[in-house]
């Protein structure tokens, strides 16, 4: 989960990422559903639609070369009691809001670091603890301070990729001098986990209707 001091600028990100991705086309892409839950406060949702669209577009651009694309297959809201996550207990509580057969992504106003309370995180991949949660439950949380590729980073964790020490790698804290990318081994892990998610029924792929012929 990228640290706040390493915010990745949005400016001109989509074009260079697309250039890298298009050089590694995938013959087959599995479309996986995201259940998006946005915290609301007195003045409305904590993030704008354009912010959501940019996060999703960047995630798709980075994952598509490795056989996975995402679509929002359910939009939900949660109250202000879940808008500012201050400790582990607050994160665990989101486990009560999970949706079957989808990747749950929670968008919040703030996400305090549970180990250093002087800091705030941009995102996290989280596993709720407690007997009331289904075994293996996990989800991602993204704060509104997040840079434009943080959803992609946290989804990288969802698919089993640890942090990387390689500058520019999407799983690294070091932005580097190149557009963010998944390396070959990370891509193989994404494909493996996608197949496992589908085989076990944890996720059910979305079958998209082909575009009508003019």
Protein backbone atom coordinates (compact mmCIF):
# COMPACT_ATOMS: atom_id res chain seq x y z
CA UNK A 1 0.00 0.00 0.00
CA UNK A 2 1.78 3.14 -1.19
CA UNK A 3 2.80 5.56 1.52
CA UNK A 4 1.32 9.09 1.53
CA UNK A 5 4.75 10.60 0.91
CA UNK A 6 4.96 8.71 -2.37
CA UNK A 7 1.80 9.93 -4.06
CA UNK A 8 1.98 9.11 -7.76
CA UNK A 9 0.89 12.09 -9.89
CA UNK A 10 -2.15 11.64 -12.08
CA UNK A 11 -0.87 13.87 -14.87
CA UNK A 12 -0.19 11.97 -18.11
CA UNK A 13 -0.36 8.57 -16.40
CA UNK A 14 -2.91 6.84 -18.61
CA UNK A 15 -1.11 7.29 -21.90
CA UNK A 16 2.31 5.92 -20.86
CA UNK A 17 0.73 3.02 -18.96
CA UNK A 18 -1.31 2.13 -22.02
CA UNK A 19 1.81 2.18 -24.17
CA UNK A 20 3.53 -0.37 -21.92
CA UNK A 21 0.44 -2.57 -21.66
CA UNK A 22 -0.25 -2.63 -25.38
CA UNK A 23 3.20 -4.08 -25.99
CA UNK A 24 2.16 -7.20 -24.06
CA UNK A 25 -1.29 -8.16 -25.40
CA UNK A 26 -3.28 -10.95 -23.73
CA UNK A 27 -5.12 -13.43 -25.96
CA UNK A 28 -7.80 -14.11 -23.36
CA UNK A 29 -9.12 -11.78 -20.68
CA UNK A 30 -11.32 -12.77 -17.76
CA UNK A 31 -13.65 -9.99 -16.62
CA UNK A 32 -14.02 -10.03 -12.84
CA UNK A 33 -16.67 -8.14 -10.86
CA UNK A 34 -15.97 -5.47 -8.27
CA UNK A 35 -18.54 -4.57 -5.63
CA UNK A 36 -17.80 -0.91 -5.00
CA UNK A 37 -18.85 0.53 -1.64
CA UNK A 38 -18.35 4.27 -1.14
CA UNK A 39 -18.47 5.94 2.26
CA UNK A 40 -20.73 8.97 2.55
CA UNK A 41 -20.44 11.99 4.83
CA UNK A 42 -22.60 15.07 5.30
CA UNK A 43 -21.67 16.54 1.92
CA UNK A 44 -22.07 13.28 0.01
CA UNK A 45 -19.73 10.55 -1.29
CA UNK A 46 -16.11 10.84 -0.20
CA UNK A 47 -14.84 10.54 -3.79
CA UNK A 48 -16.07 11.79 -7.16
CA UNK A 49 -17.08 9.66 -10.13
CA UNK A 50 -14.09 10.88 -12.14
CA UNK A 51 -11.76 9.72 -9.35
CA UNK A 52 -13.35 6.25 -9.41
CA UNK A 53 -13.17 6.08 -13.20
CA UNK A 54 -9.46 6.92 -13.23
CA UNK A 55 -8.64 4.30 -10.58
CA UNK A 56 -10.55 1.62 -12.50
CA UNK A 57 -9.09 2.59 -15.87
CA UNK A 58 -5.54 2.39 -14.56
CA UNK A 59 -6.20 -0.97 -12.90
CA UNK A 60 -7.59 -2.36 -16.14
CA UNK A 61 -4.69 -1.05 -18.19
CA UNK A 62 -2.19 -2.72 -15.84
CA UNK A 63 -4.03 -6.04 -15.43
CA UNK A 64 -5.30 -6.63 -18.98
CA UNK A 65 -1.92 -7.78 -20.35
CA UNK A 66 -2.05 -10.52 -17.69
CA UNK A 67 -5.48 -11.82 -18.57
CA UNK A 68 -7.71 -9.90 -16.14
CA UNK A 69 -10.02 -6.94 -16.44
CA UNK A 70 -12.42 -5.50 -13.89
CA UNK A 71 -15.93 -4.13 -14.11
CA UNK A 72 -18.09 -2.55 -11.43
CA UNK A 73 -20.87 -5.07 -10.84
CA UNK A 74 -22.59 -3.38 -7.94
CA UNK A 75 -22.49 0.02 -6.33
CA UNK A 76 -23.20 0.49 -2.64
CA UNK A 77 -22.88 3.15 0.02
CA UNK A 78 -21.94 2.99 3.68
CA UNK A 79 -22.54 5.56 6.38
CA UNK A 80 -20.15 8.06 7.96
CA UNK A 81 -19.33 5.58 10.74
CA UNK A 82 -17.20 3.79 8.13
CA UNK A 83 -15.77 6.89 6.45
CA UNK A 84 -12.72 7.30 8.71
CA UNK A 85 -10.97 4.08 9.64
CA UNK A 86 -8.87 4.64 12.73
CA UNK A 87 -7.78 1.16 13.83
CA UNK A 88 -7.87 -2.54 13.04
CA UNK A 89 -11.36 -2.88 14.47
CA UNK A 90 -12.70 -0.30 12.02
CA UNK A 91 -11.19 -2.24 9.13
CA UNK A 92 -12.53 -5.55 10.43
CA UNK A 93 -16.04 -4.11 10.59
CA UNK A 94 -16.10 -3.81 6.81
CA UNK A 95 -16.14 -7.60 6.76
CA UNK A 96 -19.85 -7.39 7.59
CA UNK A 97 -20.45 -5.59 4.28
CA UNK A 98 -18.90 -8.12 1.90
CA UNK A 99 -20.62 -9.44 -1.22
CA UNK A 100 -20.39 -13.00 -2.47
CA UNK A 101 -18.63 -13.79 -5.74
CA UNK A 102 -17.17 -10.29 -6.13
CA UNK A 103 -14.05 -8.35 -5.21
CA UNK A 104 -15.07 -5.86 -2.55
CA UNK A 105 -13.48 -2.42 -2.79
CA UNK A 106 -14.26 0.11 -0.07
CA UNK A 107 -13.60 3.81 -0.68
CA UNK A 108 -13.12 5.90 2.45
CA UNK A 109 -12.26 9.42 3.58
CA UNK A 110 -9.22 8.41 5.64
CA UNK A 111 -7.28 5.31 6.56
CA UNK A 112 -4.98 5.65 9.55
CA UNK A 113 -1.84 3.52 9.73
CA UNK A 114 -2.50 0.91 12.43
CA UNK A 115 1.20 0.68 13.36
CA UNK A 116 2.11 4.37 13.26
CA UNK A 117 -0.88 6.50 14.22
CA UNK A 118 0.82 9.69 13.04
CA UNK A 119 0.45 8.53 9.45
CA UNK A 120 -2.35 7.86 6.99
CA UNK A 121 -2.37 5.19 4.30
CA UNK A 122 -3.58 5.49 0.73
CA UNK A 123 -4.85 1.93 0.57
CA UNK A 124 -4.67 -1.54 2.04
CA UNK A 125 -5.51 -5.16 1.24
CA UNK A 126 -7.21 -6.49 4.37
CA UNK A 127 -8.30 -9.80 5.90
CA UNK A 128 -10.90 -9.42 8.65
CA UNK A 129 -10.24 -11.37 11.84
CA UNK A 130 -13.03 -13.04 13.76
CA UNK A 131 -15.17 -16.16 13.79
CA UNK A 132 -18.07 -14.26 12.26
CA UNK A 133 -16.23 -13.80 8.96
CA UNK A 134 -15.99 -16.44 6.26
CA UNK A 135 -12.64 -18.16 6.14
CA UNK A 136 -10.37 -16.56 3.57
CA UNK A 137 -12.36 -13.32 3.36
CA UNK A 138 -10.36 -10.41 2.04
CA UNK A 139 -10.99 -7.05 0.40
CA UNK A 140 -9.32 -3.78 -0.54
CA UNK A 141 -9.72 -0.33 0.95
CA UNK A 142 -8.68 2.86 -0.85
CA UNK A 143 -8.59 6.32 0.72
CA UNK A 144 -9.51 9.49 -1.12
CA UNK A 145 -5.90 10.74 -0.73
CA UNK A 146 -4.78 7.86 -2.96
CA UNK A 147 -2.77 8.38 -6.11
CA UNK A 148 -4.38 7.21 -9.36
CA UNK A 149 -2.85 3.70 -9.39
CA UNK A 150 -3.46 2.74 -5.75
CA UNK A 151 -6.49 0.58 -6.57
CA UNK A 152 -4.29 -1.35 -9.01
CA UNK A 153 -1.62 -1.76 -6.30
CA UNK A 154 -4.10 -3.10 -3.75
CA UNK A 155 -5.66 -5.42 -6.31
CA UNK A 156 -2.13 -6.67 -6.93
CA UNK A 157 -2.07 -7.71 -3.28
CA UNK A 158 -5.55 -9.25 -3.63
CA UNK A 159 -4.05 -11.48 -6.34
CA UNK A 160 -1.21 -12.56 -4.07
CA UNK A 161 1.61 -10.25 -5.08
CA UNK A 162 3.84 -8.95 -2.26
CA UNK A 163 5.68 -5.64 -2.30
CA UNK A 164 8.53 -5.21 -4.76
CA UNK A 165 11.89 -3.46 -4.39
CA UNK A 166 12.06 -2.65 -8.11
CA UNK A 167 11.56 1.07 -8.84
CA UNK A 168 8.53 1.64 -11.04
CA UNK A 169 6.96 -1.73 -10.32
CA UNK A 170 3.33 -1.19 -9.35
CA UNK A 171 3.97 -3.19 -6.16
CA UNK A 172 6.87 -0.94 -5.14
CA UNK A 173 6.83 2.17 -2.95
CA UNK A 174 9.46 3.68 -5.28
CA UNK A 175 7.78 5.41 -8.24
CA UNK A 176 10.92 5.19 -10.37
CA UNK A 177 11.33 6.81 -13.78
CA UNK A 178 9.09 4.50 -15.82
CA UNK A 179 5.33 3.94 -16.03
CA UNK A 180 4.11 1.43 -13.41
CA UNK A 181 4.08 -2.23 -14.46
CA UNK A 182 3.67 -5.83 -13.33
CA UNK A 183 6.65 -8.05 -14.15
CA UNK A 184 6.37 -11.50 -15.72
CA UNK A 185 6.31 -13.41 -12.41
CA UNK A 186 3.64 -11.10 -11.02
CA UNK A 187 1.60 -11.55 -14.16
CA UNK A 188 1.83 -15.33 -13.85
CA UNK A 189 0.61 -15.08 -10.26
CA UNK A 190 -2.32 -12.92 -11.37
CA UNK A 191 -3.33 -15.51 -13.96
CA UNK A 192 -2.96 -18.38 -11.48
CA UNK A 193 -5.00 -16.64 -8.79
CA UNK A 194 -7.68 -15.58 -11.28
CA UNK A 195 -8.13 -19.21 -12.32
CA UNK A 196 -8.24 -20.30 -8.69
CA UNK A 197 -10.79 -17.64 -7.74
CA UNK A 198 -13.05 -18.80 -10.57
CA UNK A 199 -12.52 -22.53 -9.95
CA UNK A 200 -13.38 -22.26 -6.24
CA UNK A 201 -16.35 -19.96 -6.85
CA UNK A 202 -14.85 -17.10 -4.87
CA UNK A 203 -15.36 -14.93 -7.94
CA UNK A 204 -17.79 -15.43 -10.81
CA UNK A 205 -16.62 -13.89 -14.12
CA UNK A 206 -18.82 -11.40 -15.90
CA UNK A 207 -19.95 -12.49 -19.37
CA UNK A 208 -20.17 -9.34 -21.41
CA UNK A 209 -22.49 -9.13 -24.39
CA UNK A 210 -20.66 -8.50 -27.68
CA UNK A 211 -21.15 -5.09 -29.19
CA UNK A 212 -23.92 -5.05 -31.81
CA UNK A 213 -22.81 -5.13 -35.42
CA UNK A 214 -23.57 -1.82 -37.20
